[in-house]
Amino acid sequence: MKCLQNRDGLKSVKRMVVKIGTKSLTTNGKLDVKKVSKLVNDVMEVRRLKREVLVVTSGAIGAGMGRLGIVSRPRKLSELQAVAAVGQSLLMQTYERFFSRWKQPVAQMLLSAEDFTNATRYRNFKNTLSTLLRWGVVPIINENDTVATEEIMVGDNDLLSAYVAKGAKADLLVLLSDVDGVYVKRGRERKRLSLVERVTPQLERTAFRTSKKFGGMFTKIQAARMASEAGIAVVIAHSRHPHVLKSILKGEEVGTLFLPRVD
């Protein structure tokens, strides 16, 4: 997609990675089946257009907390991993339930940073992914929270989705969240950026000041920089937008588009 210069170019996307954030899947800390159903329908609208879709999903910890009745997010790594173990199975059951209504097979892939830094594991990841896509399967990807340590963590699913998009040689990465794009101050007003030609240090600093936590705008900007520099277009959009993925591929004014680098 290095020749993409505007939203019209999104009409030619053949393979896309869709990252779905925790808030797009949960309500009051619990997995929201209505939200999951809506997003599965969005993915299947794209599949019916003969496009390949990979899903990078958050939500395992949130789903586990809801299932166990835990109100406050645990701080100890062992507790977070245990909650994720409970939530991951619930998350996949829910995805399987709604994709099955479309007779769409799905596959779970749990990854860690070593799957991208170790040459053998990276090759295996790409080979498995290629086979799944050839078979018409929708891969559902998450970080392997249950075994990851600080040394082998990707650390954030925004960044994970950028790594996956690069490994999959995707044309487009869509980051779905509870915000409808990147906002900057223009005088006294905050305005959404429709198009970003290049992620600048100034834009990164602005995002860092407004959101330093994982899953915030700062890590989305980092993911957008990583993917766009690899020649992949990126869109940050709100998950509640009707038919959000189909609208993006039609070139409609949805979210913030980051153009792929051409140099």
C-alpha atoms as a PDB file:
ATOM      1  CA  MET A   1       0.000   0.000   0.000  1.00  0.00           C
ATOM      2  CA  LYS A   2       2.988   2.326  -0.375  1.00  0.00           C
ATOM      3  CA  CYS A   3       1.243   4.094  -3.271  1.00  0.00           C
ATOM      4  CA  LEU A   4      -1.771   5.000  -1.103  1.00  0.00           C
ATOM      5  CA  GLN A   5      -2.134   8.773  -0.964  1.00  0.00           C
ATOM      6  CA  ASN A   6      -5.690   9.273   0.318  1.00  0.00           C
ATOM      7  CA  ARG A   7      -8.785   7.440   1.520  1.00  0.00           C
ATOM      8  CA  ASP A   8      -9.755   6.307  -1.963  1.00  0.00           C
ATOM      9  CA  GLY A   9      -6.747   4.014  -1.873  1.00  0.00           C
ATOM     10  CA  LEU A  10      -8.328   2.044   0.986  1.00  0.00           C
ATOM     11  CA  LYS A  11     -10.777   0.563  -1.525  1.00  0.00           C
ATOM     12  CA  SER A  12      -7.986  -1.653  -2.853  1.00  0.00           C
ATOM     13  CA  VAL A  13      -7.059  -3.204   0.518  1.00  0.00           C
ATOM     14  CA  LYS A  14      -6.881  -6.997   0.315  1.00  0.00           C
ATOM     15  CA  ARG A  15      -5.557  -7.958   3.767  1.00  0.00           C
ATOM     16  CA  MET A  16      -6.223  -6.082   6.992  1.00  0.00           C
ATOM     17  CA  VAL A  17      -5.442  -6.449  10.677  1.00  0.00           C
ATOM     18  CA  VAL A  18      -8.133  -5.244  13.073  1.00  0.00           C
ATOM     19  CA  LYS A  19      -7.119  -4.553  16.675  1.00  0.00           C
ATOM     20  CA  ILE A  20     -10.048  -4.440  19.093  1.00  0.00           C
ATOM     21  CA  GLY A  21      -9.470  -2.689  22.412  1.00  0.00           C
ATOM     22  CA  THR A  22     -10.778  -3.750  25.808  1.00  0.00           C
ATOM     23  CA  LYS A  23     -13.317  -0.916  26.057  1.00  0.00           C
ATOM     24  CA  SER A  24     -14.715  -1.944  22.682  1.00  0.00           C
ATOM     25  CA  LEU A  25     -15.512  -5.390  24.109  1.00  0.00           C
ATOM     26  CA  THR A  26     -16.549  -4.696  27.699  1.00  0.00           C
ATOM     27  CA  THR A  27     -19.076  -2.659  29.693  1.00  0.00           C
ATOM     28  CA  ASN A  28     -18.423  -1.870  33.344  1.00  0.00           C
ATOM     29  CA  GLY A  29     -15.480  -4.251  33.326  1.00  0.00           C
ATOM     30  CA  LYS A  30     -17.438  -7.243  32.000  1.00  0.00           C
ATOM     31  CA  LEU A  31     -17.439  -8.797  28.545  1.00  0.00           C
ATOM     32  CA  ASP A  32     -20.367  -7.320  26.599  1.00  0.00           C
ATOM     33  CA  VAL A  33     -21.782  -9.866  24.148  1.00  0.00           C
ATOM     34  CA  LYS A  34     -23.642  -7.155  22.238  1.00  0.00           C
ATOM     35  CA  LYS A  35     -20.372  -5.362  21.539  1.00  0.00           C
ATOM     36  CA  VAL A  36     -18.686  -8.609  20.512  1.00  0.00           C
ATOM     37  CA  SER A  37     -21.606  -9.465  18.211  1.00  0.00           C
ATOM     38  CA  LYS A  38     -21.437  -6.033  16.571  1.00  0.00           C
ATOM     39  CA  LEU A  39     -17.705  -6.310  15.920  1.00  0.00           C
ATOM     40  CA  VAL A  40     -17.981  -9.856  14.560  1.00  0.00           C
ATOM     41  CA  ASN A  41     -20.661  -8.603  12.164  1.00  0.00           C
ATOM     42  CA  ASP A  42     -18.315  -5.777  11.116  1.00  0.00           C
ATOM     43  CA  VAL A  43     -15.553  -8.285  10.390  1.00  0.00           C
ATOM     44  CA  MET A  44     -17.879 -10.534   8.420  1.00  0.00           C
ATOM     45  CA  GLU A  45     -19.089  -7.627   6.292  1.00  0.00           C
ATOM     46  CA  VAL A  46     -15.471  -7.272   5.169  1.00  0.00           C
ATOM     47  CA  ARG A  47     -15.065 -11.040   4.695  1.00  0.00           C
ATOM     48  CA  ARG A  48     -18.095 -10.997   2.383  1.00  0.00           C
ATOM     49  CA  LEU A  49     -16.204  -8.453   0.275  1.00  0.00           C
ATOM     50  CA  LYS A  50     -13.511 -11.121  -0.221  1.00  0.00           C
ATOM     51  CA  ARG A  51     -10.996  -9.361   2.038  1.00  0.00           C
ATOM     52  CA  GLU A  52      -8.704 -11.214   4.442  1.00  0.00           C
ATOM     53  CA  VAL A  53      -9.050 -10.184   8.085  1.00  0.00           C
ATOM     54  CA  LEU A  54      -6.868 -10.889  11.108  1.00  0.00           C
ATOM     55  CA  VAL A  55      -8.184  -9.913  14.525  1.00  0.00           C
ATOM     56  CA  VAL A  56      -5.917  -8.818  17.380  1.00  0.00           C
ATOM     57  CA  THR A  57      -8.077  -8.770  20.467  1.00  0.00           C
ATOM     58  CA  SER A  58      -7.750  -7.383  23.952  1.00  0.00           C
ATOM     59  CA  GLY A  59     -10.253  -8.175  26.687  1.00  0.00           C
ATOM     60  CA  ALA A  60      -8.964 -11.367  28.339  1.00  0.00           C
ATOM     61  CA  ILE A  61      -8.201  -9.689  31.657  1.00  0.00           C
ATOM     62  CA  GLY A  62     -11.472  -7.743  31.604  1.00  0.00           C
ATOM     63  CA  ALA A  63     -13.430 -10.893  30.768  1.00  0.00           C
ATOM     64  CA  GLY A  64     -11.680 -12.819  33.542  1.00  0.00           C
ATOM     65  CA  MET A  65     -12.366 -10.116  36.107  1.00  0.00           C
ATOM     66  CA  GLY A  66     -16.043 -10.143  35.208  1.00  0.00           C
ATOM     67  CA  ARG A  67     -16.232 -13.929  35.346  1.00  0.00           C
ATOM     68  CA  LEU A  68     -14.546 -14.048  38.769  1.00  0.00           C
ATOM     69  CA  GLY A  69     -16.363 -11.033  40.185  1.00  0.00           C
ATOM     70  CA  ILE A  70     -13.132  -9.084  40.693  1.00  0.00           C
ATOM     71  CA  VAL A  71     -13.781  -5.339  40.796  1.00  0.00           C
ATOM     72  CA  SER A  72     -10.257  -3.878  40.905  1.00  0.00           C
ATOM     73  CA  ARG A  73      -7.598  -4.859  38.372  1.00  0.00           C
ATOM     74  CA  PRO A  74      -4.977  -7.032  40.140  1.00  0.00           C
ATOM     75  CA  ARG A  75      -1.473  -5.612  40.468  1.00  0.00           C
ATOM     76  CA  LYS A  76       0.554  -8.774  41.020  1.00  0.00           C
ATOM     77  CA  LEU A  77       1.761 -10.355  37.776  1.00  0.00           C
ATOM     78  CA  SER A  78       0.723 -13.856  38.897  1.00  0.00           C
ATOM     79  CA  GLU A  79      -2.824 -12.644  39.605  1.00  0.00           C
ATOM     80  CA  LEU A  80      -3.061 -10.809  36.286  1.00  0.00           C
ATOM     81  CA  GLN A  81      -1.923 -13.941  34.487  1.00  0.00           C
ATOM     82  CA  ALA A  82      -4.441 -16.084  36.346  1.00  0.00           C
ATOM     83  CA  VAL A  83      -7.269 -13.672  35.533  1.00  0.00           C
ATOM     84  CA  ALA A  84      -6.159 -13.636  31.890  1.00  0.00           C
ATOM     85  CA  ALA A  85      -6.200 -17.446  31.812  1.00  0.00           C
ATOM     86  CA  VAL A  86      -9.827 -17.448  32.939  1.00  0.00           C
ATOM     87  CA  GLY A  87     -10.794 -14.629  30.608  1.00  0.00           C
ATOM     88  CA  GLN A  88      -9.040 -15.931  27.502  1.00  0.00           C
ATOM     89  CA  SER A  89     -11.154 -19.070  27.344  1.00  0.00           C
ATOM     90  CA  LEU A  90     -14.335 -17.035  27.868  1.00  0.00           C
ATOM     91  CA  LEU A  91     -13.247 -14.545  25.217  1.00  0.00           C
ATOM     92  CA  MET A  92     -12.613 -17.256  22.620  1.00  0.00           C
ATOM     93  CA  GLN A  93     -15.885 -19.029  23.469  1.00  0.00           C
ATOM     94  CA  THR A  94     -17.707 -15.772  22.820  1.00  0.00           C
ATOM     95  CA  TYR A  95     -15.932 -15.116  19.526  1.00  0.00           C
ATOM     96  CA  GLU A  96     -16.558 -18.721  18.422  1.00  0.00           C
ATOM     97  CA  ARG A  97     -20.227 -18.365  19.284  1.00  0.00           C
ATOM     98  CA  PHE A  98     -20.787 -15.317  17.091  1.00  0.00           C
ATOM     99  CA  PHE A  99     -18.507 -16.287  14.199  1.00  0.00           C
ATOM    100  CA  SER A 100     -20.259 -19.675  14.078  1.00  0.00           C
ATOM    101  CA  ARG A 101     -23.497 -17.891  13.217  1.00  0.00           C
ATOM    102  CA  TRP A 102     -21.754 -16.948   9.963  1.00  0.00           C
ATOM    103  CA  LYS A 103     -20.262 -20.458   9.608  1.00  0.00           C
ATOM    104  CA  GLN A 104     -16.867 -18.739   9.801  1.00  0.00           C
ATOM    105  CA  PRO A 105     -14.004 -20.836  11.244  1.00  0.00           C
ATOM    106  CA  VAL A 106     -11.648 -19.045  13.618  1.00  0.00           C
ATOM    107  CA  ALA A 107      -8.296 -19.922  15.186  1.00  0.00           C
ATOM    108  CA  GLN A 108      -6.690 -18.764  18.421  1.00  0.00           C
ATOM    109  CA  MET A 109      -3.076 -17.591  18.288  1.00  0.00           C
ATOM    110  CA  LEU A 110      -1.344 -16.562  21.540  1.00  0.00           C
ATOM    111  CA  LEU A 111       1.961 -14.785  20.982  1.00  0.00           C
ATOM    112  CA  SER A 112       4.835 -13.304  22.952  1.00  0.00           C
ATOM    113  CA  ALA A 113       7.656 -10.961  21.933  1.00  0.00           C
ATOM    114  CA  GLU A 114       9.913 -13.949  21.251  1.00  0.00           C
ATOM    115  CA  ASP A 115       7.629 -14.958  18.388  1.00  0.00           C
ATOM    116  CA  PHE A 116       8.798 -11.810  16.601  1.00  0.00           C
ATOM    117  CA  THR A 117      12.446 -11.683  17.718  1.00  0.00           C
ATOM    118  CA  ASN A 118      13.421 -15.365  17.387  1.00  0.00           C
ATOM    119  CA  ALA A 119      13.962 -16.190  13.706  1.00  0.00           C
ATOM    120  CA  THR A 120      12.651 -19.749  13.914  1.00  0.00           C
ATOM    121  CA  ARG A 121       9.543 -18.823  15.892  1.00  0.00           C
ATOM    122  CA  TYR A 122       8.864 -15.832  13.619  1.00  0.00           C
ATOM    123  CA  ARG A 123       9.054 -18.077  10.562  1.00  0.00           C
ATOM    124  CA  ASN A 124       6.696 -20.576  12.190  1.00  0.00           C
ATOM    125  CA  PHE A 125       4.275 -17.778  13.064  1.00  0.00           C
ATOM    126  CA  LYS A 126       4.216 -16.521   9.476  1.00  0.00           C
ATOM    127  CA  ASN A 127       3.843 -20.011   8.021  1.00  0.00           C
ATOM    128  CA  THR A 128       0.932 -20.846  10.322  1.00  0.00           C
ATOM    129  CA  LEU A 129      -0.721 -17.514   9.586  1.00  0.00           C
ATOM    130  CA  SER A 130      -0.330 -18.018   5.840  1.00  0.00           C
ATOM    131  CA  THR A 131      -1.920 -21.456   6.065  1.00  0.00           C
ATOM    132  CA  LEU A 132      -4.871 -20.215   8.122  1.00  0.00           C
ATOM    133  CA  LEU A 133      -5.571 -17.419   5.657  1.00  0.00           C
ATOM    134  CA  ARG A 134      -5.288 -19.808   2.717  1.00  0.00           C
ATOM    135  CA  TRP A 135      -7.900 -22.007   4.397  1.00  0.00           C
ATOM    136  CA  GLY A 136     -10.231 -19.026   4.868  1.00  0.00           C
ATOM    137  CA  VAL A 137      -9.852 -18.955   8.660  1.00  0.00           C
ATOM    138  CA  VAL A 138     -10.021 -15.734  10.692  1.00  0.00           C
ATOM    139  CA  PRO A 139      -7.057 -15.734  13.120  1.00  0.00           C
ATOM    140  CA  ILE A 140      -7.878 -14.276  16.543  1.00  0.00           C
ATOM    141  CA  ILE A 141      -4.629 -13.140  18.125  1.00  0.00           C
ATOM    142  CA  ASN A 142      -3.743 -12.047  21.649  1.00  0.00           C
ATOM    143  CA  GLU A 143      -0.607 -11.776  23.710  1.00  0.00           C
ATOM    144  CA  ASN A 144       0.108 -14.901  25.753  1.00  0.00           C
ATOM    145  CA  ASP A 145      -0.471 -13.119  29.058  1.00  0.00           C
ATOM    146  CA  THR A 146      -0.512 -16.317  31.104  1.00  0.00           C
ATOM    147  CA  VAL A 147       3.196 -17.057  30.616  1.00  0.00           C
ATOM    148  CA  ALA A 148       4.713 -13.726  29.604  1.00  0.00           C
ATOM    149  CA  THR A 149       7.234 -12.006  31.848  1.00  0.00           C
ATOM    150  CA  GLU A 150       8.523  -8.465  31.507  1.00  0.00           C
ATOM    151  CA  GLU A 151      11.442  -9.760  29.469  1.00  0.00           C
ATOM    152  CA  ILE A 152       9.255 -11.415  26.810  1.00  0.00           C
ATOM    153  CA  MET A 153       6.171  -9.192  26.814  1.00  0.00           C
ATOM    154  CA  VAL A 154       5.150  -7.114  23.829  1.00  0.00           C
ATOM    155  CA  GLY A 155       3.446  -5.041  26.498  1.00  0.00           C
ATOM    156  CA  ASP A 156       0.448  -3.648  24.645  1.00  0.00           C
ATOM    157  CA  ASN A 157      -1.913  -4.988  22.014  1.00  0.00           C
ATOM    158  CA  ASP A 158      -1.630  -1.815  19.926  1.00  0.00           C
ATOM    159  CA  LEU A 159       2.053  -2.626  19.463  1.00  0.00           C
ATOM    160  CA  LEU A 160       1.287  -6.332  19.052  1.00  0.00           C
ATOM    161  CA  SER A 161      -1.088  -5.509  16.208  1.00  0.00           C
ATOM    162  CA  ALA A 162       1.645  -3.533  14.439  1.00  0.00           C
ATOM    163  CA  TYR A 163       4.030  -6.499  14.708  1.00  0.00           C
ATOM    164  CA  VAL A 164       1.310  -8.807  13.393  1.00  0.00           C
ATOM    165  CA  ALA A 165       0.520  -6.454  10.497  1.00  0.00           C
ATOM    166  CA  LYS A 166       4.187  -6.423   9.501  1.00  0.00           C
ATOM    167  CA  GLY A 167       4.524 -10.201   9.781  1.00  0.00           C
ATOM    168  CA  ALA A 168       1.321 -10.742   7.811  1.00  0.00           C
ATOM    169  CA  LYS A 169       2.315  -8.190   5.144  1.00  0.00           C
ATOM    170  CA  ALA A 170      -1.064  -6.529   5.603  1.00  0.00           C
ATOM    171  CA  ASP A 171      -2.219  -3.569   3.554  1.00  0.00           C
ATOM    172  CA  LEU A 172      -4.069  -1.929   6.442  1.00  0.00           C
ATOM    173  CA  LEU A 173      -4.068  -1.871  10.241  1.00  0.00           C
ATOM    174  CA  VAL A 174      -7.256  -0.649  11.943  1.00  0.00           C
ATOM    175  CA  LEU A 175      -7.065   0.250  15.640  1.00  0.00           C
ATOM    176  CA  LEU A 176     -10.580   0.210  17.087  1.00  0.00           C
ATOM    177  CA  SER A 177     -11.082   1.902  20.438  1.00  0.00           C
ATOM    178  CA  ASP A 178     -13.364   4.251  22.350  1.00  0.00           C
ATOM    179  CA  VAL A 179     -12.035   7.306  20.497  1.00  0.00           C
ATOM    180  CA  ASP A 180     -12.828   8.295  16.929  1.00  0.00           C
ATOM    181  CA  GLY A 181      -9.343   9.367  15.930  1.00  0.00           C
ATOM    182  CA  VAL A 182      -6.434  11.567  16.898  1.00  0.00           C
ATOM    183  CA  TYR A 183      -7.280  14.986  18.305  1.00  0.00           C
ATOM    184  CA  VAL A 184      -5.039  18.059  18.517  1.00  0.00           C
ATOM    185  CA  LYS A 185      -5.647  21.551  19.835  1.00  0.00           C
ATOM    186  CA  ARG A 186      -6.429  24.264  17.322  1.00  0.00           C
ATOM    187  CA  GLY A 187      -6.680  27.428  19.374  1.00  0.00           C
ATOM    188  CA  ARG A 188      -9.254  26.736  22.069  1.00  0.00           C
ATOM    189  CA  GLU A 189     -10.789  23.796  20.241  1.00  0.00           C
ATOM    190  CA  ARG A 190      -9.802  20.147  19.859  1.00  0.00           C
ATOM    191  CA  LYS A 191     -10.098  18.921  16.305  1.00  0.00           C
ATOM    192  CA  ARG A 192      -9.787  15.456  14.872  1.00  0.00           C
ATOM    193  CA  LEU A 193      -7.012  14.882  12.387  1.00  0.00           C
ATOM    194  CA  SER A 194      -8.462  13.280   9.267  1.00  0.00           C
ATOM    195  CA  LEU A 195      -5.093  12.511   7.689  1.00  0.00           C
ATOM    196  CA  VAL A 196      -1.559  12.124   9.024  1.00  0.00           C
ATOM    197  CA  GLU A 197       1.123  11.957   6.359  1.00  0.00           C
ATOM    198  CA  ARG A 198       3.904  11.195   8.812  1.00  0.00           C
ATOM    199  CA  VAL A 199       4.136  10.586  12.560  1.00  0.00           C
ATOM    200  CA  THR A 200       6.293  13.418  13.863  1.00  0.00           C
ATOM    201  CA  PRO A 201       8.030  13.749  17.250  1.00  0.00           C
ATOM    202  CA  GLN A 202       5.642  16.615  18.000  1.00  0.00           C
ATOM    203  CA  LEU A 203       2.618  14.381  17.460  1.00  0.00           C
ATOM    204  CA  GLU A 204       4.158  11.696  19.688  1.00  0.00           C
ATOM    205  CA  ARG A 205       4.856  14.256  22.429  1.00  0.00           C
ATOM    206  CA  THR A 206       1.283  15.517  22.255  1.00  0.00           C
ATOM    207  CA  ALA A 207      -0.077  11.975  22.575  1.00  0.00           C
ATOM    208  CA  PHE A 208       2.336  11.216  25.430  1.00  0.00           C
ATOM    209  CA  ARG A 209       1.138  14.221  27.425  1.00  0.00           C
ATOM    210  CA  THR A 210      -2.508  13.274  27.021  1.00  0.00           C
ATOM    211  CA  SER A 211      -2.228   9.516  27.555  1.00  0.00           C
ATOM    212  CA  LYS A 212       0.832   7.754  28.963  1.00  0.00           C
ATOM    213  CA  LYS A 213      -0.842   4.470  29.904  1.00  0.00           C
ATOM    214  CA  PHE A 214      -0.905   1.264  27.877  1.00  0.00           C
ATOM    215  CA  GLY A 215      -3.850   1.214  25.522  1.00  0.00           C
ATOM    216  CA  GLY A 216      -3.977   5.006  25.349  1.00  0.00           C
ATOM    217  CA  MET A 217      -3.384   7.274  22.374  1.00  0.00           C
ATOM    218  CA  PHE A 218       0.390   7.279  22.883  1.00  0.00           C
ATOM    219  CA  THR A 219       0.752   3.553  22.182  1.00  0.00           C
ATOM    220  CA  LYS A 220      -1.661   3.843  19.256  1.00  0.00           C
ATOM    221  CA  ILE A 221       0.553   6.538  17.748  1.00  0.00           C
ATOM    222  CA  GLN A 222       3.597   4.313  18.316  1.00  0.00           C
ATOM    223  CA  ALA A 223       1.833   1.428  16.588  1.00  0.00           C
ATOM    224  CA  ALA A 224       0.790   3.704  13.722  1.00  0.00           C
ATOM    225  CA  ARG A 225       4.383   4.881  13.286  1.00  0.00           C
ATOM    226  CA  MET A 226       5.729   1.331  13.292  1.00  0.00           C
ATOM    227  CA  ALA A 227       3.209   0.080  10.750  1.00  0.00           C
ATOM    228  CA  SER A 228       3.234   3.125   8.459  1.00  0.00           C
ATOM    229  CA  GLU A 229       7.029   3.050   8.275  1.00  0.00           C
ATOM    230  CA  ALA A 230       6.687  -0.551   7.085  1.00  0.00           C
ATOM    231  CA  GLY A 231       4.435   0.581   4.240  1.00  0.00           C
ATOM    232  CA  ILE A 232       1.116  -0.251   5.934  1.00  0.00           C
ATOM    233  CA  ALA A 233      -1.768   2.227   6.104  1.00  0.00           C
ATOM    234  CA  VAL A 234      -3.287   2.718   9.565  1.00  0.00           C
ATOM    235  CA  VAL A 235      -6.695   3.964  10.711  1.00  0.00           C
ATOM    236  CA  ILE A 236      -7.620   4.797  14.305  1.00  0.00           C
ATOM    237  CA  ALA A 237     -11.410   4.760  14.671  1.00  0.00           C
ATOM    238  CA  HIS A 238     -14.249   4.324  17.161  1.00  0.00           C
ATOM    239  CA  SER A 239     -15.608   0.784  17.381  1.00  0.00           C
ATOM    240  CA  ARG A 240     -19.213   1.956  17.798  1.00  0.00           C
ATOM    241  CA  HIS A 241     -19.296   3.546  14.331  1.00  0.00           C
ATOM    242  CA  PRO A 242     -21.928   1.695  12.274  1.00  0.00           C
ATOM    243  CA  HIS A 243     -20.326  -0.736   9.812  1.00  0.00           C
ATOM    244  CA  VAL A 244     -16.986   0.753  10.758  1.00  0.00           C
ATOM    245  CA  LEU A 245     -14.701  -1.568   8.779  1.00  0.00           C
ATOM    246  CA  LYS A 246     -16.837  -1.509   5.641  1.00  0.00           C
ATOM    247  CA  SER A 247     -17.018   2.284   5.843  1.00  0.00           C
ATOM    248  CA  ILE A 248     -13.230   2.541   6.110  1.00  0.00           C
ATOM    249  CA  LEU A 249     -12.756   0.325   3.059  1.00  0.00           C
ATOM    250  CA  LYS A 250     -15.249   2.434   1.115  1.00  0.00           C
ATOM    251  CA  GLY A 251     -13.008   5.450   1.718  1.00  0.00           C
ATOM    252  CA  GLU A 252     -15.482   7.239   3.974  1.00  0.00           C
ATOM    253  CA  GLU A 253     -14.399   9.907   6.461  1.00  0.00           C
ATOM    254  CA  VAL A 254     -13.956   7.628   9.468  1.00  0.00           C
ATOM    255  CA  GLY A 255     -11.298   8.122  12.129  1.00  0.00           C
ATOM    256  CA  THR A 256      -7.726   9.237  11.437  1.00  0.00           C
ATOM    257  CA  LEU A 257      -5.827   7.793   8.486  1.00  0.00           C
ATOM    258  CA  PHE A 258      -2.034   7.436   8.652  1.00  0.00           C
ATOM    259  CA  LEU A 259      -0.503   7.164   5.204  1.00  0.00           C
ATOM    260  CA  PRO A 260       2.156   4.517   4.602  1.00  0.00           C
ATOM    261  CA  ARG A 261       5.700   5.843   4.149  1.00  0.00           C
ATOM    262  CA  VAL A 262       6.987   5.791   0.596  1.00  0.00           C
ATOM    263  CA  ASP A 263      10.716   6.342   1.289  1.00  0.00           C
END
